[in-house]
Amino acid sequence: MAEIVTPNEIAKRLAVTGVAFRNWLREQKADGHALVASHEYRTHYRFTGAEADQLAVEFAEQVRGTSATAVAASARSTRMSGTSRAGSAAGALAEWRSDERGVERSRSDVPGHRITVEWMGEEVETLADLLCSRLRAVTIGINPTPKSVTTGHYYQGKYGQTFFRRLCKAGLLPDGDGFEDDRVFAAGIGFTDVVKRPTPHQQGLRSGELEHGRTLLETKLTTLDVPLVIFVFKSAAETLLGRLPPHSYGPVPRRRLGRARVFVMPRPTAASAIESDAIKKLRRALRTAS
């Protein structure tokens, strides 16, 4: 049986996110690339080993002129060893990831970080992950709200703005113009969600979405090797960690995601005394994780 390679597997060889690579594939399809021109909307991309090698080389060369020989050798080594860990291509693309800060940028005709991605076989408009190497921390929500996606920026609803207000009190939201997520990201704090499909409320999620998102998120966090993760909502933390004690917030003892320490924010409607205590603990957690 011929080897079948998925876009996510190719992306891991290149040390980029699956979303970034699939968006590049869509651009190639629009340009009439022979390997993807016949791809049907809302179906999965599937490639042979040779096709995967070719696409990895082309992606690397177009993004930053990476050596075709180095990328092809890395791809062959990855397939032969039976592992999806990034090889020498990771180093080859490290400079690009740093320059672009890992943002899968939306098209110029849509606002902010809005982007179209494949989610469980369906193309959805959502927010791009704001992730890159050497982050101080990553904030994790359940999933974006439609309001945030329309705006093109994270946490634009009532409860989301509460989170940014808390980050400001913790000294993590620099002064300046522009949206809060851009300013926080510039300060070294990343953004992602467990589920990428937007809904007005968590109750709108479908069966299997949290489990699917948990698997993808664990891979992202392992790849980033971030020192601290901040869960905006306790329910998001429980998706990955299981049930937490009632009314708990702050650092989660003896629990890690990869090497990252875990911090859970109190509920948005928590009393001011609890919020103040959480902010003090967040400052301490960041100092400890740095």
Foldseek 3Di string as FASTA:
>chain_A
DFDKDFLQLLCQQLLAHSQLSVVVLVVCCVVPPPQCVPPDPLDGDIDTLVVSLVSSLVVLCVQPNFDSVVSSVSSVVCVVVVHSHHDVSNVSCQVSLVVVQNQSDDDPVADAQWHWGQAPSHIAIFGTWRHGAPALEEEEEAEAAPVCSNNHHGQPDPLSVLVLVLCVVLVQQDDDDDDRQVRSVVSRYIYDYLAHHHHNDPVPDDPPRNVVSLVSVLVVCQSRVHAAYEYAAVVRVCSNVNDDDPQDFAWDPPDARNNYTYGYQGGSPDDPVSSVVRSVRVNVSSVVSD
